[in-house]
């Protein structure tokens, strides 16, 4: 069972006012937190690969540094049309390596936990679900995961429409509860007291 994790790090941060992926949380750029978690998933799983989608040079350089260790299990791809909406970044991430399941993480959720992603992968694949997501109480969020049967629908997404619109139409979706509310919190505006 091959899992392709796709890290979406190409957003334009319109509401944030500047590039939020470089915004520092406890002295580190926000994008590093999710990247570290996905790298830990690579360490704890087999037959799992990671594709990072970005348009930013600092993120590209960081991934290429880590690729020295992971070789063909990690790659970075460009998303030149990302300003047209998340669907463009999704399509960019789906190029190249084929998989049985595709897991999407967003780079503005710095508090997602490795164990939550591992649980989502395990529960979805073992139960042969068409896909799934992480939620807190009744609020659905990211990461999301999709079986290869949903690939044509993912590729057909348009504008700023994400993949949850596809999952909501499926039966037997896997839902994994986050360990804490912060895991599914998107950072869309500058913050102060929310750090940590």
C-alpha atoms as a PDB file:
ATOM      1  CA  UNK A   1       0.000   0.000   0.000  1.00  0.00           C
ATOM      2  CA  UNK A   2       1.726   3.184  -1.183  1.00  0.00           C
ATOM      3  CA  UNK A   3       0.906   6.492   0.489  1.00  0.00           C
ATOM      4  CA  UNK A   4       1.808   9.814  -1.111  1.00  0.00           C
ATOM      5  CA  UNK A   5       1.787  12.708   1.359  1.00  0.00           C
ATOM      6  CA  UNK A   6       1.401  16.136  -0.234  1.00  0.00           C
ATOM      7  CA  UNK A   7       2.400  19.216   1.763  1.00  0.00           C
ATOM      8  CA  UNK A   8       0.677  22.325   0.398  1.00  0.00           C
ATOM      9  CA  UNK A   9       3.050  25.237   1.006  1.00  0.00           C
ATOM     10  CA  UNK A  10       2.301  27.576  -1.901  1.00  0.00           C
ATOM     11  CA  UNK A  11      -0.462  29.815  -0.519  1.00  0.00           C
ATOM     12  CA  UNK A  12      -0.502  33.555  -1.069  1.00  0.00           C
ATOM     13  CA  UNK A  13      -1.495  34.581   2.486  1.00  0.00           C
ATOM     14  CA  UNK A  14      -3.898  37.297   1.333  1.00  0.00           C
ATOM     15  CA  UNK A  15      -5.653  37.586   4.707  1.00  0.00           C
ATOM     16  CA  UNK A  16      -2.408  37.417   6.655  1.00  0.00           C
ATOM     17  CA  UNK A  17      -0.879  40.454   4.940  1.00  0.00           C
ATOM     18  CA  UNK A  18       2.507  38.896   4.159  1.00  0.00           C
ATOM     19  CA  UNK A  19       3.919  35.397   3.663  1.00  0.00           C
ATOM     20  CA  UNK A  20       2.579  33.641   6.733  1.00  0.00           C
ATOM     21  CA  UNK A  21       4.577  30.480   6.013  1.00  0.00           C
ATOM     22  CA  UNK A  22       7.706  32.418   7.019  1.00  0.00           C
ATOM     23  CA  UNK A  23       6.003  33.862  10.123  1.00  0.00           C
ATOM     24  CA  UNK A  24       7.974  32.775  13.169  1.00  0.00           C
ATOM     25  CA  UNK A  25       6.422  30.678  15.917  1.00  0.00           C
ATOM     26  CA  UNK A  26       8.755  30.179  18.877  1.00  0.00           C
ATOM     27  CA  UNK A  27      11.633  31.366  16.694  1.00  0.00           C
ATOM     28  CA  UNK A  28      11.017  29.053  13.702  1.00  0.00           C
ATOM     29  CA  UNK A  29       9.202  29.687  10.408  1.00  0.00           C
ATOM     30  CA  UNK A  30       5.680  28.253  10.454  1.00  0.00           C
ATOM     31  CA  UNK A  31       6.245  25.964   7.451  1.00  0.00           C
ATOM     32  CA  UNK A  32       8.918  23.969   9.308  1.00  0.00           C
ATOM     33  CA  UNK A  33       6.474  22.551  11.851  1.00  0.00           C
ATOM     34  CA  UNK A  34       4.349  20.586   9.408  1.00  0.00           C
ATOM     35  CA  UNK A  35       7.410  19.586   7.423  1.00  0.00           C
ATOM     36  CA  UNK A  36       9.016  18.143  10.558  1.00  0.00           C
ATOM     37  CA  UNK A  37       5.854  16.169  11.340  1.00  0.00           C
ATOM     38  CA  UNK A  38       5.633  14.697   7.838  1.00  0.00           C
ATOM     39  CA  UNK A  39       9.308  13.793   7.948  1.00  0.00           C
ATOM     40  CA  UNK A  40       8.606  11.928  11.199  1.00  0.00           C
ATOM     41  CA  UNK A  41       5.791  10.057   9.422  1.00  0.00           C
ATOM     42  CA  UNK A  42       8.354   9.017   6.793  1.00  0.00           C
ATOM     43  CA  UNK A  43      10.574   7.674   9.576  1.00  0.00           C
ATOM     44  CA  UNK A  44       7.762   5.663  11.129  1.00  0.00           C
ATOM     45  CA  UNK A  45       6.275   4.183   7.953  1.00  0.00           C
ATOM     46  CA  UNK A  46       7.355   2.235   4.905  1.00  0.00           C
ATOM     47  CA  UNK A  47       6.260   2.778   1.315  1.00  0.00           C
ATOM     48  CA  UNK A  48       5.375   6.396   2.089  1.00  0.00           C
ATOM     49  CA  UNK A  49       6.659   9.364   0.076  1.00  0.00           C
ATOM     50  CA  UNK A  50       6.413  13.125   0.525  1.00  0.00           C
ATOM     51  CA  UNK A  51       5.831  15.780  -2.132  1.00  0.00           C
ATOM     52  CA  UNK A  52       6.128  19.425  -1.070  1.00  0.00           C
ATOM     53  CA  UNK A  53       4.275  21.912  -3.278  1.00  0.00           C
ATOM     54  CA  UNK A  54       5.622  25.457  -3.116  1.00  0.00           C
ATOM     55  CA  UNK A  55       6.591  28.579  -5.022  1.00  0.00           C
ATOM     56  CA  UNK A  56       8.940  29.858  -2.313  1.00  0.00           C
ATOM     57  CA  UNK A  57      12.694  29.548  -2.568  1.00  0.00           C
ATOM     58  CA  UNK A  58      13.369  29.216   1.172  1.00  0.00           C
ATOM     59  CA  UNK A  59      10.963  26.281   1.406  1.00  0.00           C
ATOM     60  CA  UNK A  60      12.415  24.691  -1.734  1.00  0.00           C
ATOM     61  CA  UNK A  61      15.955  24.919  -0.320  1.00  0.00           C
ATOM     62  CA  UNK A  62      14.878  23.366   2.982  1.00  0.00           C
ATOM     63  CA  UNK A  63      13.247  20.416   1.223  1.00  0.00           C
ATOM     64  CA  UNK A  64      16.246  19.854  -1.039  1.00  0.00           C
ATOM     65  CA  UNK A  65      18.488  19.758   2.040  1.00  0.00           C
ATOM     66  CA  UNK A  66      16.322  17.046   3.582  1.00  0.00           C
ATOM     67  CA  UNK A  67      16.082  15.203   0.269  1.00  0.00           C
ATOM     68  CA  UNK A  68      19.789  14.391   0.632  1.00  0.00           C
ATOM     69  CA  UNK A  69      18.700  11.993   3.381  1.00  0.00           C
ATOM     70  CA  UNK A  70      15.406  10.748   1.943  1.00  0.00           C
ATOM     71  CA  UNK A  71      16.416  10.495  -1.742  1.00  0.00           C
ATOM     72  CA  UNK A  72      13.414   9.464  -3.854  1.00  0.00           C
ATOM     73  CA  UNK A  73      11.053   9.434  -0.836  1.00  0.00           C
ATOM     74  CA  UNK A  74      10.954  13.244  -0.817  1.00  0.00           C
ATOM     75  CA  UNK A  75      10.539  15.785  -3.611  1.00  0.00           C
ATOM     76  CA  UNK A  76       9.583  19.403  -4.152  1.00  0.00           C
ATOM     77  CA  UNK A  77       7.385  20.584  -7.020  1.00  0.00           C
ATOM     78  CA  UNK A  78       6.437  24.039  -8.233  1.00  0.00           C
ATOM     79  CA  UNK A  79       2.905  25.429  -8.316  1.00  0.00           C
ATOM     80  CA  UNK A  80       3.163  28.468 -10.601  1.00  0.00           C
ATOM     81  CA  UNK A  81      -0.618  28.948 -10.746  1.00  0.00           C
ATOM     82  CA  UNK A  82      -1.215  28.755  -6.996  1.00  0.00           C
ATOM     83  CA  UNK A  83      -2.650  32.292  -6.948  1.00  0.00           C
ATOM     84  CA  UNK A  84      -5.637  30.892  -8.889  1.00  0.00           C
ATOM     85  CA  UNK A  85      -6.655  28.748  -5.934  1.00  0.00           C
ATOM     86  CA  UNK A  86      -5.814  25.651  -3.939  1.00  0.00           C
ATOM     87  CA  UNK A  87      -6.975  23.340  -6.743  1.00  0.00           C
ATOM     88  CA  UNK A  88      -3.857  24.316  -8.743  1.00  0.00           C
ATOM     89  CA  UNK A  89      -1.571  23.315  -5.868  1.00  0.00           C
ATOM     90  CA  UNK A  90      -3.504  20.058  -5.448  1.00  0.00           C
ATOM     91  CA  UNK A  91      -2.982  19.186  -9.129  1.00  0.00           C
ATOM     92  CA  UNK A  92       0.710  20.080  -8.885  1.00  0.00           C
ATOM     93  CA  UNK A  93       1.112  17.728  -5.920  1.00  0.00           C
ATOM     94  CA  UNK A  94      -0.606  14.872  -7.743  1.00  0.00           C
ATOM     95  CA  UNK A  95       1.894  14.865 -10.605  1.00  0.00           C
ATOM     96  CA  UNK A  96       4.625  12.256 -10.703  1.00  0.00           C
ATOM     97  CA  UNK A  97       4.557   9.282  -8.349  1.00  0.00           C
ATOM     98  CA  UNK A  98       1.292   7.341  -8.298  1.00  0.00           C
ATOM     99  CA  UNK A  99      -0.039   5.899  -5.031  1.00  0.00           C
ATOM    100  CA  UNK A 100      -2.898   3.959  -3.499  1.00  0.00           C
ATOM    101  CA  UNK A 101      -3.758   6.865  -1.193  1.00  0.00           C
ATOM    102  CA  UNK A 102      -2.996  10.602  -1.292  1.00  0.00           C
ATOM    103  CA  UNK A 103      -2.765  12.515   1.984  1.00  0.00           C
ATOM    104  CA  UNK A 104      -2.858  16.317   1.975  1.00  0.00           C
ATOM    105  CA  UNK A 105      -1.468  18.549   4.728  1.00  0.00           C
ATOM    106  CA  UNK A 106      -1.466  22.341   4.743  1.00  0.00           C
ATOM    107  CA  UNK A 107       1.514  24.381   5.870  1.00  0.00           C
ATOM    108  CA  UNK A 108      -0.503  26.818   8.000  1.00  0.00           C
ATOM    109  CA  UNK A 109      -1.444  24.204  10.620  1.00  0.00           C
ATOM    110  CA  UNK A 110       1.726  24.213  12.740  1.00  0.00           C
ATOM    111  CA  UNK A 111       0.316  22.152  15.610  1.00  0.00           C
ATOM    112  CA  UNK A 112      -0.735  19.003  13.771  1.00  0.00           C
ATOM    113  CA  UNK A 113       0.674  15.896  15.472  1.00  0.00           C
ATOM    114  CA  UNK A 114       2.515  12.963  13.929  1.00  0.00           C
ATOM    115  CA  UNK A 115       0.347  10.470  15.796  1.00  0.00           C
ATOM    116  CA  UNK A 116      -2.827  12.005  14.357  1.00  0.00           C
ATOM    117  CA  UNK A 117      -1.560  11.667  10.783  1.00  0.00           C
ATOM    118  CA  UNK A 118      -0.420   8.095  11.423  1.00  0.00           C
ATOM    119  CA  UNK A 119      -3.854   7.250  12.830  1.00  0.00           C
ATOM    120  CA  UNK A 120      -5.612   8.776   9.808  1.00  0.00           C
ATOM    121  CA  UNK A 121      -3.446   6.746   7.415  1.00  0.00           C
ATOM    122  CA  UNK A 122      -3.845   3.532   9.401  1.00  0.00           C
ATOM    123  CA  UNK A 123      -7.592   3.785   9.945  1.00  0.00           C
ATOM    124  CA  UNK A 124      -8.354   4.767   6.336  1.00  0.00           C
ATOM    125  CA  UNK A 125      -6.215   2.093   4.717  1.00  0.00           C
ATOM    126  CA  UNK A 126      -7.055  -0.763   7.071  1.00  0.00           C
ATOM    127  CA  UNK A 127     -10.788  -0.121   6.705  1.00  0.00           C
ATOM    128  CA  UNK A 128     -10.440   0.426   2.933  1.00  0.00           C
ATOM    129  CA  UNK A 129     -12.281   3.730   3.180  1.00  0.00           C
ATOM    130  CA  UNK A 130     -12.432   5.977   0.091  1.00  0.00           C
ATOM    131  CA  UNK A 131     -10.935   8.782   2.147  1.00  0.00           C
ATOM    132  CA  UNK A 132     -11.079  10.664   5.396  1.00  0.00           C
ATOM    133  CA  UNK A 133     -10.177  13.716   7.442  1.00  0.00           C
ATOM    134  CA  UNK A 134      -9.177  14.899  10.890  1.00  0.00           C
ATOM    135  CA  UNK A 135     -11.727  16.753  12.972  1.00  0.00           C
ATOM    136  CA  UNK A 136     -12.131  18.300  16.401  1.00  0.00           C
ATOM    137  CA  UNK A 137     -15.548  17.610  17.905  1.00  0.00           C
ATOM    138  CA  UNK A 138     -17.829  18.229  14.893  1.00  0.00           C
ATOM    139  CA  UNK A 139     -15.482  20.577  13.034  1.00  0.00           C
ATOM    140  CA  UNK A 140     -13.784  18.904  10.087  1.00  0.00           C
ATOM    141  CA  UNK A 141     -10.284  19.981   9.114  1.00  0.00           C
ATOM    142  CA  UNK A 142      -7.001  18.849   7.624  1.00  0.00           C
ATOM    143  CA  UNK A 143      -5.174  16.604   6.939  1.00  0.00           C
ATOM    144  CA  UNK A 144      -7.360  14.812   4.417  1.00  0.00           C
ATOM    145  CA  UNK A 145      -6.739  11.520   2.615  1.00  0.00           C
ATOM    146  CA  UNK A 146      -8.109  10.145  -0.677  1.00  0.00           C
ATOM    147  CA  UNK A 147      -8.010   6.746  -2.345  1.00  0.00           C
ATOM    148  CA  UNK A 148      -6.677   6.477  -5.895  1.00  0.00           C
ATOM    149  CA  UNK A 149     -10.263   5.955  -7.104  1.00  0.00           C
ATOM    150  CA  UNK A 150     -10.932   9.615  -6.269  1.00  0.00           C
ATOM    151  CA  UNK A 151      -7.929  10.847  -8.245  1.00  0.00           C
ATOM    152  CA  UNK A 152      -9.959  11.925 -11.321  1.00  0.00           C
ATOM    153  CA  UNK A 153     -12.208  14.038  -9.109  1.00  0.00           C
ATOM    154  CA  UNK A 154      -9.215  15.644  -7.383  1.00  0.00           C
ATOM    155  CA  UNK A 155      -7.684  16.519 -10.749  1.00  0.00           C
ATOM    156  CA  UNK A 156     -10.983  18.073 -11.843  1.00  0.00           C
ATOM    157  CA  UNK A 157     -11.175  20.515  -8.909  1.00  0.00           C
ATOM    158  CA  UNK A 158     -11.311  24.177  -9.923  1.00  0.00           C
ATOM    159  CA  UNK A 159     -10.461  27.510  -8.327  1.00  0.00           C
ATOM    160  CA  UNK A 160     -10.259  27.634  -4.540  1.00  0.00           C
ATOM    161  CA  UNK A 161     -12.279  24.448  -4.030  1.00  0.00           C
ATOM    162  CA  UNK A 162     -10.536  21.829  -1.903  1.00  0.00           C
ATOM    163  CA  UNK A 163     -10.913  18.074  -1.721  1.00  0.00           C
ATOM    164  CA  UNK A 164     -13.354  17.938   1.197  1.00  0.00           C
ATOM    165  CA  UNK A 165     -16.095  18.772  -1.307  1.00  0.00           C
ATOM    166  CA  UNK A 166     -15.372  15.348  -2.835  1.00  0.00           C
ATOM    167  CA  UNK A 167     -15.188  13.492   0.471  1.00  0.00           C
ATOM    168  CA  UNK A 168     -18.551  14.848   1.644  1.00  0.00           C
ATOM    169  CA  UNK A 169     -20.215  12.979  -1.227  1.00  0.00           C
ATOM    170  CA  UNK A 170     -18.649   9.628  -0.279  1.00  0.00           C
ATOM    171  CA  UNK A 171     -19.944   6.932   2.041  1.00  0.00           C
ATOM    172  CA  UNK A 172     -17.833   5.246   4.723  1.00  0.00           C
ATOM    173  CA  UNK A 173     -15.465   8.186   5.213  1.00  0.00           C
ATOM    174  CA  UNK A 174     -12.834   7.747   7.913  1.00  0.00           C
ATOM    175  CA  UNK A 175     -12.998  10.443  10.589  1.00  0.00           C
ATOM    176  CA  UNK A 176     -10.143  10.713  13.095  1.00  0.00           C
ATOM    177  CA  UNK A 177     -10.455  12.944  16.130  1.00  0.00           C
ATOM    178  CA  UNK A 178      -7.625  15.406  16.732  1.00  0.00           C
ATOM    179  CA  UNK A 179      -5.924  15.174  20.111  1.00  0.00           C
ATOM    180  CA  UNK A 180      -6.447  18.900  20.693  1.00  0.00           C
ATOM    181  CA  UNK A 181      -8.323  21.751  19.001  1.00  0.00           C
ATOM    182  CA  UNK A 182      -5.098  23.502  17.951  1.00  0.00           C
ATOM    183  CA  UNK A 183      -4.218  20.656  15.570  1.00  0.00           C
ATOM    184  CA  UNK A 184      -6.775  21.708  12.970  1.00  0.00           C
ATOM    185  CA  UNK A 185      -6.392  25.455  13.495  1.00  0.00           C
ATOM    186  CA  UNK A 186      -5.369  27.336  10.336  1.00  0.00           C
ATOM    187  CA  UNK A 187      -3.291  30.451  10.963  1.00  0.00           C
ATOM    188  CA  UNK A 188      -4.926  33.023   8.689  1.00  0.00           C
ATOM    189  CA  UNK A 189      -4.169  36.275  10.502  1.00  0.00           C
ATOM    190  CA  UNK A 190      -1.124  37.461  12.497  1.00  0.00           C
ATOM    191  CA  UNK A 191      -1.305  36.455  16.128  1.00  0.00           C
ATOM    192  CA  UNK A 192       0.472  37.017  19.397  1.00  0.00           C
ATOM    193  CA  UNK A 193      -0.964  35.154  22.358  1.00  0.00           C
ATOM    194  CA  UNK A 194      -1.817  32.104  20.182  1.00  0.00           C
ATOM    195  CA  UNK A 195       1.826  31.137  19.791  1.00  0.00           C
ATOM    196  CA  UNK A 196       2.575  27.737  21.293  1.00  0.00           C
END
